[in-house]
Every structure is written in structure tokens, then in C-alpha cells.
Full PDB file with SEQRES, HELIX, SHEET, SSBOND, CRYST1, ORIGX, SCALE, CONECT and MASTER records, all heavy atoms in Angstrom:
SEQRES   1 A   38  LEU PHE ILE VAL ALA GLY PRO GLY SER GLY LYS THR THR          
SEQRES   2 A   38  VAL MET VAL LEU LYS ILE LEU LYS TYR LEU PHE VAL ASP          
SEQRES   3 A   38  ASP ILE GLU PRO ASN SER ILE LEU ALA THR THR TYR              
HELIX    1 AA1 LYS A   11  PHE A   24  1                                  14    
HELIX    2 AA2 PRO A   30  SER A   32  5                                   3    
CRYST1    1.000    1.000    1.000  90.00  90.00  90.00 P 1           1          
ORIGX1      1.000000  0.000000  0.000000        0.00000                         
ORIGX2      0.000000  1.000000  0.000000        0.00000                         
ORIGX3      0.000000  0.000000  1.000000        0.00000                         
SCALE1      1.000000  0.000000  0.000000        0.00000                         
SCALE2      0.000000  1.000000  0.000000        0.00000                         
SCALE3      0.000000  0.000000  1.000000        0.00000                         
ATOM      1  N   LEU A   1       0.814  -1.212   0.000  1.00  0.00           N  
ATOM      2  CA  LEU A   1       0.000   0.000   0.000  1.00  0.00           C  
ATOM      3  C   LEU A   1       0.851   1.268   0.000  1.00  0.00           C  
ATOM      4  O   LEU A   1       1.981   1.282   0.477  1.00  0.00           O  
ATOM      5  CB  LEU A   1      -0.911   0.035   1.234  1.00  0.00           C  
ATOM      6  CG  LEU A   1      -1.886  -1.118   1.454  1.00  0.00           C  
ATOM      7  CD1 LEU A   1      -2.681  -0.879   2.732  1.00  0.00           C  
ATOM      8  CD2 LEU A   1      -2.825  -1.292   0.271  1.00  0.00           C  
ATOM      9  N   PHE A   2       0.257   2.323  -0.535  1.00  0.00           N  
ATOM     10  CA  PHE A   2       0.815   3.670  -0.492  1.00  0.00           C  
ATOM     11  C   PHE A   2      -0.234   4.522   0.212  1.00  0.00           C  
ATOM     12  O   PHE A   2      -1.243   4.897  -0.382  1.00  0.00           O  
ATOM     13  CB  PHE A   2       1.081   4.172  -1.907  1.00  0.00           C  
ATOM     14  CG  PHE A   2       1.509   5.613  -2.004  1.00  0.00           C  
ATOM     15  CD1 PHE A   2       2.498   6.126  -1.189  1.00  0.00           C  
ATOM     16  CD2 PHE A   2       0.930   6.461  -2.954  1.00  0.00           C  
ATOM     17  CE1 PHE A   2       2.900   7.452  -1.295  1.00  0.00           C  
ATOM     18  CE2 PHE A   2       1.325   7.783  -3.071  1.00  0.00           C  
ATOM     19  CZ  PHE A   2       2.312   8.287  -2.240  1.00  0.00           C  
ATOM     20  N   ILE A   3      -0.035   4.785   1.509  1.00  0.00           N  
ATOM     21  CA  ILE A   3      -1.038   5.479   2.316  1.00  0.00           C  
ATOM     22  C   ILE A   3      -0.660   6.948   2.476  1.00  0.00           C  
ATOM     23  O   ILE A   3       0.369   7.273   3.068  1.00  0.00           O  
ATOM     24  CB  ILE A   3      -1.198   4.824   3.699  1.00  0.00           C  
ATOM     25  CG1 ILE A   3      -1.604   3.347   3.538  1.00  0.00           C  
ATOM     26  CG2 ILE A   3      -2.226   5.569   4.536  1.00  0.00           C  
ATOM     27  CD1 ILE A   3      -1.717   2.598   4.859  1.00  0.00           C  
ATOM     28  N   VAL A   4      -1.477   7.814   1.921  1.00  0.00           N  
ATOM     29  CA  VAL A   4      -1.286   9.265   2.059  1.00  0.00           C  
ATOM     30  C   VAL A   4      -2.160   9.701   3.228  1.00  0.00           C  
ATOM     31  O   VAL A   4      -3.387   9.717   3.119  1.00  0.00           O  
ATOM     32  CB  VAL A   4      -1.676  10.005   0.770  1.00  0.00           C  
ATOM     33  CG1 VAL A   4      -1.399  11.500   0.920  1.00  0.00           C  
ATOM     34  CG2 VAL A   4      -0.928   9.436  -0.435  1.00  0.00           C  
ATOM     35  N   ALA A   5      -1.526  10.011   4.352  1.00  0.00           N  
ATOM     36  CA  ALA A   5      -2.254  10.273   5.593  1.00  0.00           C  
ATOM     37  C   ALA A   5      -2.198  11.747   5.955  1.00  0.00           C  
ATOM     38  O   ALA A   5      -1.147  12.256   6.356  1.00  0.00           O  
ATOM     39  CB  ALA A   5      -1.677   9.423   6.722  1.00  0.00           C  
ATOM     40  N   GLY A   6      -3.307  12.431   5.810  1.00  0.00           N  
ATOM     41  CA  GLY A   6      -3.382  13.844   6.177  1.00  0.00           C  
ATOM     42  C   GLY A   6      -3.236  14.023   7.677  1.00  0.00           C  
ATOM     43  O   GLY A   6      -3.300  13.056   8.445  1.00  0.00           O  
ATOM     44  N   PRO A   7      -3.038  15.254   8.141  1.00  0.00           N  
ATOM     45  CA  PRO A   7      -2.857  15.507   9.576  1.00  0.00           C  
ATOM     46  C   PRO A   7      -4.090  15.097  10.376  1.00  0.00           C  
ATOM     47  O   PRO A   7      -5.220  15.325   9.961  1.00  0.00           O  
ATOM     48  CB  PRO A   7      -2.624  17.026   9.640  1.00  0.00           C  
ATOM     49  CG  PRO A   7      -3.226  17.560   8.372  1.00  0.00           C  
ATOM     50  CD  PRO A   7      -3.012  16.494   7.349  1.00  0.00           C  
ATOM     51  N   GLY A   8      -3.847  14.465  11.526  1.00  0.00           N  
ATOM     52  CA  GLY A   8      -4.941  14.087  12.411  1.00  0.00           C  
ATOM     53  C   GLY A   8      -5.855  13.015  11.859  1.00  0.00           C  
ATOM     54  O   GLY A   8      -6.985  12.865  12.322  1.00  0.00           O  
ATOM     55  N   SER A   9      -5.379  12.243  10.883  1.00  0.00           N  
ATOM     56  CA  SER A   9      -6.243  11.268  10.207  1.00  0.00           C  
ATOM     57  C   SER A   9      -6.170   9.870  10.800  1.00  0.00           C  
ATOM     58  O   SER A   9      -6.743   8.936  10.255  1.00  0.00           O  
ATOM     59  CB  SER A   9      -5.905  11.214   8.713  1.00  0.00           C  
ATOM     60  OG  SER A   9      -4.560  10.819   8.513  1.00  0.00           O  
ATOM     61  N   GLY A  10      -5.442   9.714  11.895  1.00  0.00           N  
ATOM     62  CA  GLY A  10      -5.398   8.430  12.583  1.00  0.00           C  
ATOM     63  C   GLY A  10      -4.427   7.437  11.991  1.00  0.00           C  
ATOM     64  O   GLY A  10      -4.644   6.235  12.070  1.00  0.00           O  
ATOM     65  N   LYS A  11      -3.306   7.934  11.451  1.00  0.00           N  
ATOM     66  CA  LYS A  11      -2.359   7.020  10.794  1.00  0.00           C  
ATOM     67  C   LYS A  11      -1.705   6.069  11.789  1.00  0.00           C  
ATOM     68  O   LYS A  11      -1.458   4.902  11.465  1.00  0.00           O  
ATOM     69  CB  LYS A  11      -1.294   7.793  10.031  1.00  0.00           C  
ATOM     70  CG  LYS A  11      -0.314   8.576  10.868  1.00  0.00           C  
ATOM     71  CD  LYS A  11       0.641   9.343   9.986  1.00  0.00           C  
ATOM     72  CE  LYS A  11       1.577  10.201  10.822  1.00  0.00           C  
ATOM     73  NZ  LYS A  11       2.799   9.541  11.186  1.00  0.00           N  
ATOM     74  N   THR A  12      -1.428   6.533  13.010  1.00  0.00           N  
ATOM     75  CA  THR A  12      -0.827   5.646  13.999  1.00  0.00           C  
ATOM     76  C   THR A  12      -1.802   4.537  14.380  1.00  0.00           C  
ATOM     77  O   THR A  12      -1.422   3.372  14.511  1.00  0.00           O  
ATOM     78  CB  THR A  12      -0.406   6.428  15.256  1.00  0.00           C  
ATOM     79  OG1 THR A  12       0.498   7.474  14.891  1.00  0.00           O  
ATOM     80  CG2 THR A  12       0.288   5.509  16.261  1.00  0.00           C  
ATOM     81  N   THR A  13      -3.072   4.896  14.517  1.00  0.00           N  
ATOM     82  CA  THR A  13      -4.106   3.896  14.797  1.00  0.00           C  
ATOM     83  C   THR A  13      -4.156   2.855  13.691  1.00  0.00           C  
ATOM     84  O   THR A  13      -4.229   1.647  13.945  1.00  0.00           O  
ATOM     85  CB  THR A  13      -5.484   4.571  14.935  1.00  0.00           C  
ATOM     86  OG1 THR A  13      -5.488   5.415  16.093  1.00  0.00           O  
ATOM     87  CG2 THR A  13      -6.595   3.537  15.061  1.00  0.00           C  
ATOM     88  N   VAL A  14      -4.090   3.316  12.448  1.00  0.00           N  
ATOM     89  CA  VAL A  14      -4.121   2.401  11.307  1.00  0.00           C  
ATOM     90  C   VAL A  14      -2.906   1.476  11.331  1.00  0.00           C  
ATOM     91  O   VAL A  14      -3.041   0.260  11.122  1.00  0.00           O  
ATOM     92  CB  VAL A  14      -4.172   3.193   9.982  1.00  0.00           C  
ATOM     93  CG1 VAL A  14      -3.891   2.279   8.789  1.00  0.00           C  
ATOM     94  CG2 VAL A  14      -5.535   3.853   9.815  1.00  0.00           C  
ATOM     95  N   MET A  15      -1.728   2.026  11.579  1.00  0.00           N  
ATOM     96  CA  MET A  15      -0.517   1.201  11.603  1.00  0.00           C  
ATOM     97  C   MET A  15      -0.581   0.149  12.703  1.00  0.00           C  
ATOM     98  O   MET A  15      -0.234  -1.024  12.491  1.00  0.00           O  
ATOM     99  CB  MET A  15       0.722   2.079  11.775  1.00  0.00           C  
ATOM    100  CG  MET A  15       1.091   2.883  10.554  1.00  0.00           C  
ATOM    101  SD  MET A  15       2.691   3.713  10.723  1.00  0.00           S  
ATOM    102  CE  MET A  15       3.838   2.329  10.711  1.00  0.00           C  
ATOM    103  N   VAL A  16      -1.024   0.550  13.892  1.00  0.00           N  
ATOM    104  CA  VAL A  16      -1.107  -0.380  15.016  1.00  0.00           C  
ATOM    105  C   VAL A  16      -2.099  -1.501  14.718  1.00  0.00           C  
ATOM    106  O   VAL A  16      -1.805  -2.691  14.897  1.00  0.00           O  
ATOM    107  CB  VAL A  16      -1.501   0.354  16.312  1.00  0.00           C  
ATOM    108  CG1 VAL A  16      -1.780  -0.649  17.430  1.00  0.00           C  
ATOM    109  CG2 VAL A  16      -0.415   1.322  16.736  1.00  0.00           C  
ATOM    110  N   LEU A  17      -3.290  -1.119  14.259  1.00  0.00           N  
ATOM    111  CA  LEU A  17      -4.320  -2.130  13.987  1.00  0.00           C  
ATOM    112  C   LEU A  17      -3.945  -3.008  12.805  1.00  0.00           C  
ATOM    113  O   LEU A  17      -4.322  -4.183  12.742  1.00  0.00           O  
ATOM    114  CB  LEU A  17      -5.674  -1.452  13.750  1.00  0.00           C  
ATOM    115  CG  LEU A  17      -6.262  -0.735  14.973  1.00  0.00           C  
ATOM    116  CD1 LEU A  17      -7.601  -0.102  14.640  1.00  0.00           C  
ATOM    117  CD2 LEU A  17      -6.418  -1.709  16.146  1.00  0.00           C  
ATOM    118  N   LYS A  18      -3.195  -2.440  11.879  1.00  0.00           N  
ATOM    119  CA  LYS A  18      -2.725  -3.236  10.740  1.00  0.00           C  
ATOM    120  C   LYS A  18      -1.739  -4.307  11.232  1.00  0.00           C  
ATOM    121  O   LYS A  18      -1.804  -5.468  10.812  1.00  0.00           O  
ATOM    122  CB  LYS A  18      -2.063  -2.323   9.718  1.00  0.00           C  
ATOM    123  CG  LYS A  18      -1.838  -2.953   8.347  1.00  0.00           C  
ATOM    124  CD  LYS A  18      -1.492  -1.894   7.327  1.00  0.00           C  
ATOM    125  CE  LYS A  18      -1.259  -2.517   5.959  1.00  0.00           C  
ATOM    126  NZ  LYS A  18      -2.456  -3.219   5.448  1.00  0.00           N  
ATOM    127  N   ILE A  19      -0.841  -3.925  12.130  1.00  0.00           N  
ATOM    128  CA  ILE A  19       0.103  -4.881  12.713  1.00  0.00           C  
ATOM    129  C   ILE A  19      -0.645  -5.967  13.480  1.00  0.00           C  
ATOM    130  O   ILE A  19      -0.363  -7.167  13.338  1.00  0.00           O  
ATOM    131  CB  ILE A  19       1.096  -4.158  13.638  1.00  0.00           C  
ATOM    132  CG1 ILE A  19       2.060  -3.286  12.819  1.00  0.00           C  
ATOM    133  CG2 ILE A  19       1.890  -5.153  14.493  1.00  0.00           C  
ATOM    134  CD1 ILE A  19       2.946  -2.384  13.659  1.00  0.00           C  
ATOM    135  N   LEU A  20      -1.627  -5.570  14.295  1.00  0.00           N  
ATOM    136  CA  LEU A  20      -2.382  -6.536  15.093  1.00  0.00           C  
ATOM    137  C   LEU A  20      -3.237  -7.435  14.218  1.00  0.00           C  
ATOM    138  O   LEU A  20      -3.430  -8.615  14.531  1.00  0.00           O  
ATOM    139  CB  LEU A  20      -3.245  -5.799  16.125  1.00  0.00           C  
ATOM    140  CG  LEU A  20      -2.470  -4.998  17.176  1.00  0.00           C  
ATOM    141  CD1 LEU A  20      -3.407  -4.241  18.089  1.00  0.00           C  
ATOM    142  CD2 LEU A  20      -1.558  -5.925  17.989  1.00  0.00           C  
ATOM    143  N   LYS A  21      -3.725  -6.893  13.113  1.00  0.00           N  
ATOM    144  CA  LYS A  21      -4.488  -7.716  12.170  1.00  0.00           C  
ATOM    145  C   LYS A  21      -3.586  -8.771  11.543  1.00  0.00           C  
ATOM    146  O   LYS A  21      -3.993  -9.927  11.334  1.00  0.00           O  
ATOM    147  CB  LYS A  21      -5.119  -6.814  11.114  1.00  0.00           C  
ATOM    148  CG  LYS A  21      -5.986  -7.544  10.090  1.00  0.00           C  
ATOM    149  CD  LYS A  21      -5.247  -7.657   8.773  1.00  0.00           C  
ATOM    150  CE  LYS A  21      -6.106  -8.302   7.699  1.00  0.00           C  
ATOM    151  NZ  LYS A  21      -5.359  -8.509   6.442  1.00  0.00           N  
ATOM    152  N   TYR A  22      -2.344  -8.396  11.219  1.00  0.00           N  
ATOM    153  CA  TYR A  22      -1.393  -9.372  10.687  1.00  0.00           C  
ATOM    154  C   TYR A  22      -1.208 -10.535  11.668  1.00  0.00           C  
ATOM    155  O   TYR A  22      -1.124 -11.691  11.267  1.00  0.00           O  
ATOM    156  CB  TYR A  22      -0.030  -8.717  10.447  1.00  0.00           C  
ATOM    157  CG  TYR A  22       0.039  -7.798   9.249  1.00  0.00           C  
ATOM    158  CD1 TYR A  22       0.746  -6.594   9.317  1.00  0.00           C  
ATOM    159  CD2 TYR A  22      -0.578  -8.123   8.044  1.00  0.00           C  
ATOM    160  CE1 TYR A  22       0.829  -5.747   8.222  1.00  0.00           C  
ATOM    161  CE2 TYR A  22      -0.508  -7.281   6.942  1.00  0.00           C  
ATOM    162  CZ  TYR A  22       0.194  -6.092   7.041  1.00  0.00           C  
ATOM    163  OH  TYR A  22       0.274  -5.263   5.956  1.00  0.00           O  
ATOM    164  N   LEU A  23      -1.159 -10.223  12.961  1.00  0.00           N  
ATOM    165  CA  LEU A  23      -0.898 -11.230  13.979  1.00  0.00           C  
ATOM    166  C   LEU A  23      -2.105 -12.123  14.241  1.00  0.00           C  
ATOM    167  O   LEU A  23      -1.992 -13.352  14.256  1.00  0.00           O  
ATOM    168  CB  LEU A  23      -0.464 -10.556  15.284  1.00  0.00           C  
ATOM    169  CG  LEU A  23       0.833  -9.751  15.255  1.00  0.00           C  
ATOM    170  CD1 LEU A  23       1.021  -9.004  16.572  1.00  0.00           C  
ATOM    171  CD2 LEU A  23       2.024 -10.651  15.005  1.00  0.00           C  
ATOM    172  N   PHE A  24      -3.261 -11.487  14.463  1.00  0.00           N  
ATOM    173  CA  PHE A  24      -4.433 -12.235  14.912  1.00  0.00           C  
ATOM    174  C   PHE A  24      -5.278 -12.811  13.771  1.00  0.00           C  
ATOM    175  O   PHE A  24      -5.975 -13.805  13.968  1.00  0.00           O  
ATOM    176  CB  PHE A  24      -5.315 -11.345  15.799  1.00  0.00           C  
ATOM    177  CG  PHE A  24      -4.716 -11.050  17.136  1.00  0.00           C  
ATOM    178  CD1 PHE A  24      -4.139  -9.825  17.399  1.00  0.00           C  
ATOM    179  CD2 PHE A  24      -4.714 -12.010  18.140  1.00  0.00           C  
ATOM    180  CE1 PHE A  24      -3.585  -9.538  18.635  1.00  0.00           C  
ATOM    181  CE2 PHE A  24      -4.158 -11.739  19.389  1.00  0.00           C  
ATOM    182  CZ  PHE A  24      -3.591 -10.509  19.641  1.00  0.00           C  
ATOM    183  N   VAL A  25      -5.219 -12.194  12.600  1.00  0.00           N  
ATOM    184  CA  VAL A  25      -6.046 -12.650  11.481  1.00  0.00           C  
ATOM    185  C   VAL A  25      -5.219 -13.405  10.439  1.00  0.00           C  
ATOM    186  O   VAL A  25      -5.616 -14.473   9.968  1.00  0.00           O  
ATOM    187  CB  VAL A  25      -6.787 -11.472  10.812  1.00  0.00           C  
ATOM    188  CG1 VAL A  25      -7.623 -11.945   9.625  1.00  0.00           C  
ATOM    189  CG2 VAL A  25      -7.674 -10.753  11.829  1.00  0.00           C  
ATOM    190  N   ASP A  26      -4.056 -12.848  10.107  1.00  0.00           N  
ATOM    191  CA  ASP A  26      -3.244 -13.432   9.029  1.00  0.00           C  
ATOM    192  C   ASP A  26      -2.206 -14.444   9.522  1.00  0.00           C  
ATOM    193  O   ASP A  26      -1.502 -15.043   8.712  1.00  0.00           O  
ATOM    194  CB  ASP A  26      -2.528 -12.320   8.250  1.00  0.00           C  
ATOM    195  CG  ASP A  26      -3.501 -11.349   7.613  1.00  0.00           C  
ATOM    196  OD1 ASP A  26      -4.537 -11.806   7.093  1.00  0.00           O  
ATOM    197  OD2 ASP A  26      -3.233 -10.132   7.641  1.00  0.00           O  
ATOM    198  N   ASP A  27      -2.103 -14.603  10.848  1.00  0.00           N  
ATOM    199  CA  ASP A  27      -1.156 -15.560  11.442  1.00  0.00           C  
ATOM    200  C   ASP A  27       0.295 -15.271  11.057  1.00  0.00           C  
ATOM    201  O   ASP A  27       1.106 -16.188  10.886  1.00  0.00           O  
ATOM    202  CB  ASP A  27      -1.506 -16.998  11.038  1.00  0.00           C  
ATOM    203  CG  ASP A  27      -2.830 -17.456  11.638  1.00  0.00           C  
ATOM    204  OD1 ASP A  27      -3.295 -16.806  12.584  1.00  0.00           O  
ATOM    205  OD2 ASP A  27      -3.389 -18.454  11.152  1.00  0.00           O  
ATOM    206  N   ILE A  28       0.643 -14.006  10.909  1.00  0.00           N  
ATOM    207  CA  ILE A  28       2.026 -13.627  10.622  1.00  0.00           C  
ATOM    208  C   ILE A  28       2.834 -13.697  11.913  1.00  0.00           C  
ATOM    209  O   ILE A  28       2.389 -13.209  12.957  1.00  0.00           O  
ATOM    210  CB  ILE A  28       2.099 -12.195  10.033  1.00  0.00           C  
ATOM    211  CG1 ILE A  28       1.263 -12.094   8.745  1.00  0.00           C  
ATOM    212  CG2 ILE A  28       3.537 -11.783   9.790  1.00  0.00           C  
ATOM    213  CD1 ILE A  28       1.795 -12.909   7.604  1.00  0.00           C  
ATOM    214  N   GLU A  29       4.006 -14.293  11.851  1.00  0.00           N  
ATOM    215  CA  GLU A  29       4.860 -14.369  13.035  1.00  0.00           C  
ATOM    216  C   GLU A  29       5.362 -12.974  13.406  1.00  0.00           C  
ATOM    217  O   GLU A  29       5.740 -12.190  12.526  1.00  0.00           O  
ATOM    218  CB  GLU A  29       6.058 -15.288  12.776  1.00  0.00           C  
ATOM    219  CG  GLU A  29       5.696 -16.749  12.589  1.00  0.00           C  
ATOM    220  CD  GLU A  29       5.154 -17.369  13.859  1.00  0.00           C  
ATOM    221  OE1 GLU A  29       5.545 -16.908  14.972  1.00  0.00           O  
ATOM    222  OE2 GLU A  29       4.338 -18.299  13.757  1.00  0.00           O  
ATOM    223  N   PRO A  30       5.382 -12.644  14.705  1.00  0.00           N  
ATOM    224  CA  PRO A  30       5.828 -11.309  15.128  1.00  0.00           C  
ATOM    225  C   PRO A  30       7.215 -10.925  14.628  1.00  0.00           C  
ATOM    226  O   PRO A  30       7.458  -9.770  14.260  1.00  0.00           O  
ATOM    227  CB  PRO A  30       5.800 -11.406  16.665  1.00  0.00           C  
ATOM    228  CG  PRO A  30       4.792 -12.453  16.953  1.00  0.00           C  
ATOM    229  CD  PRO A  30       4.923 -13.455  15.844  1.00  0.00           C  
ATOM    230  N   ASN A  31       8.151 -11.880  14.586  1.00  0.00           N  
ATOM    231  CA  ASN A  31       9.510 -11.552  14.160  1.00  0.00           C  
ATOM    232  C   ASN A  31       9.630 -11.359  12.656  1.00  0.00           C  
ATOM    233  O   ASN A  31      10.708 -11.072  12.149  1.00  0.00           O  
ATOM    234  CB  ASN A  31      10.499 -12.622  14.626  1.00  0.00           C  
ATOM    235  CG  ASN A  31      10.268 -13.971  13.946  1.00  0.00           C  
ATOM    236  OD1 ASN A  31       9.219 -14.194  13.368  1.00  0.00           O  
ATOM    237  ND2 ASN A  31      11.249 -14.843  14.018  1.00  0.00           N  
ATOM    238  N   SER A  32       8.494 -11.513  11.941  1.00  0.00           N  
ATOM    239  CA  SER A  32       8.478 -11.279  10.497  1.00  0.00           C  
ATOM    240  C   SER A  32       8.019  -9.871  10.148  1.00  0.00           C  
ATOM    241  O   SER A  32       7.900  -9.529   8.971  1.00  0.00           O  
ATOM    242  CB  SER A  32       7.550 -12.300   9.807  1.00  0.00           C  
ATOM    243  OG  SER A  32       8.010 -13.613  10.007  1.00  0.00           O  
ATOM    244  N   ILE A  33       7.737  -9.060  11.183  1.00  0.00           N  
ATOM    245  CA  ILE A  33       7.192  -7.720  10.975  1.00  0.00           C  
ATOM    246  C   ILE A  33       8.230  -6.662  11.346  1.00  0.00           C  
ATOM    247  O   ILE A  33       8.809  -6.686  12.435  1.00  0.00           O  
ATOM    248  CB  ILE A  33       5.914  -7.508  11.808  1.00  0.00           C  
ATOM    249  CG1 ILE A  33       4.854  -8.539  11.422  1.00  0.00           C  
ATOM    250  CG2 ILE A  33       5.386  -6.087  11.628  1.00  0.00           C  
ATOM    251  CD1 ILE A  33       3.617  -8.498  12.301  1.00  0.00           C  
ATOM    252  N   LEU A  34       8.443  -5.723  10.434  1.00  0.00           N  
ATOM    253  CA  LEU A  34       9.338  -4.590  10.664  1.00  0.00           C  
ATOM    254  C   LEU A  34       8.545  -3.307  10.480  1.00  0.00           C  
ATOM    255  O   LEU A  34       7.909  -3.102   9.444  1.00  0.00           O  
ATOM    256  CB  LEU A  34      10.496  -4.617   9.664  1.00  0.00           C  
ATOM    257  CG  LEU A  34      11.405  -3.371   9.618  1.00  0.00           C  
ATOM    258  CD1 LEU A  34      12.242  -3.293  10.886  1.00  0.00           C  
ATOM    259  CD2 LEU A  34      12.308  -3.403   8.394  1.00  0.00           C  
ATOM    260  N   ALA A  35       8.547  -2.449  11.495  1.00  0.00           N  
ATOM    261  CA  ALA A  35       7.827  -1.174  11.419  1.00  0.00           C  
ATOM    262  C   ALA A  35       8.754  -0.049  11.850  1.00  0.00           C  
ATOM    263  O   ALA A  35       9.316  -0.089  12.947  1.00  0.00           O  
ATOM    264  CB  ALA A  35       6.585  -1.194  12.309  1.00  0.00           C  
ATOM    265  N   THR A  36       8.947   0.924  10.980  1.00  0.00           N  
ATOM    266  CA  THR A  36       9.834   2.040  11.307  1.00  0.00           C  
ATOM    267  C   THR A  36       9.078   3.362  11.254  1.00  0.00           C  
ATOM    268  O   THR A  36       8.100   3.510  10.525  1.00  0.00           O  
ATOM    269  CB  THR A  36      11.028   2.129  10.338  1.00  0.00           C  
ATOM    270  OG1 THR A  36      10.588   2.669   9.081  1.00  0.00           O  
ATOM    271  CG2 THR A  36      11.659   0.778  10.111  1.00  0.00           C  
ATOM    272  N   THR A  37       9.554   4.304  12.046  1.00  0.00           N  
ATOM    273  CA  THR A  37       9.075   5.668  11.961  1.00  0.00           C  
ATOM    274  C   THR A  37      10.262   6.593  12.155  1.00  0.00           C  
ATOM    275  O   THR A  37      11.372   6.128  12.409  1.00  0.00           O  
ATOM    276  CB  THR A  37       7.958   5.943  12.974  1.00  0.00           C  
ATOM    277  OG1 THR A  37       7.384   7.228  12.733  1.00  0.00           O  
ATOM    278  CG2 THR A  37       8.459   5.854  14.402  1.00  0.00           C  
ATOM    279  N   TYR A  38      10.053   7.902  12.050  1.00  0.00           N  
ATOM    280  CA  TYR A  38      11.202   8.805  11.926  1.00  0.00           C  
ATOM    281  C   TYR A  38      11.844   9.191  13.253  1.00  0.00           C  
ATOM    282  O   TYR A  38      13.062   9.310  13.341  1.00  0.00           O  
ATOM    283  CB  TYR A  38      10.797  10.069  11.165  1.00  0.00           C  
ATOM    284  CG  TYR A  38      11.981  10.772  10.566  1.00  0.00           C  
ATOM    285  CD1 TYR A  38      12.534  10.350   9.366  1.00  0.00           C  
ATOM    286  CD2 TYR A  38      12.581  11.845  11.216  1.00  0.00           C  
ATOM    287  CE1 TYR A  38      13.637  10.974   8.816  1.00  0.00           C  
ATOM    288  CE2 TYR A  38      13.683  12.486  10.671  1.00  0.00           C  
ATOM    289  CZ  TYR A  38      14.210  12.050   9.479  1.00  0.00           C  
ATOM    290  OH  TYR A  38      15.309  12.667   8.946  1.00  0.00           O  
TER     291      TYR A  38                                                      
MASTER        0    0    0    2    0    0    0    6  290    1    0    3          
END                                                                             
């Protein structure tokens, strides 16, 4: 995805829930996930 997130649009919420969805729904192993911010 290419997510263009305007100010105050809940991008951190989206990133967190996306990570948790990978874990609980997609059965992705935690050590297979890399998330960076500035």
C-alpha cells in the first residue's frame, strides 16, 4: 500500500491495527514484521 495520511487522520491507529491484524487474522509471526518511523 501507499497510504497518504493527512494531519490528524489516525495514521498511527491504522498502523497499530494493521500490525495486530497481521498477527491475529493473518497468522504472521511477530519476528516477520518490521515497522519504522522517523
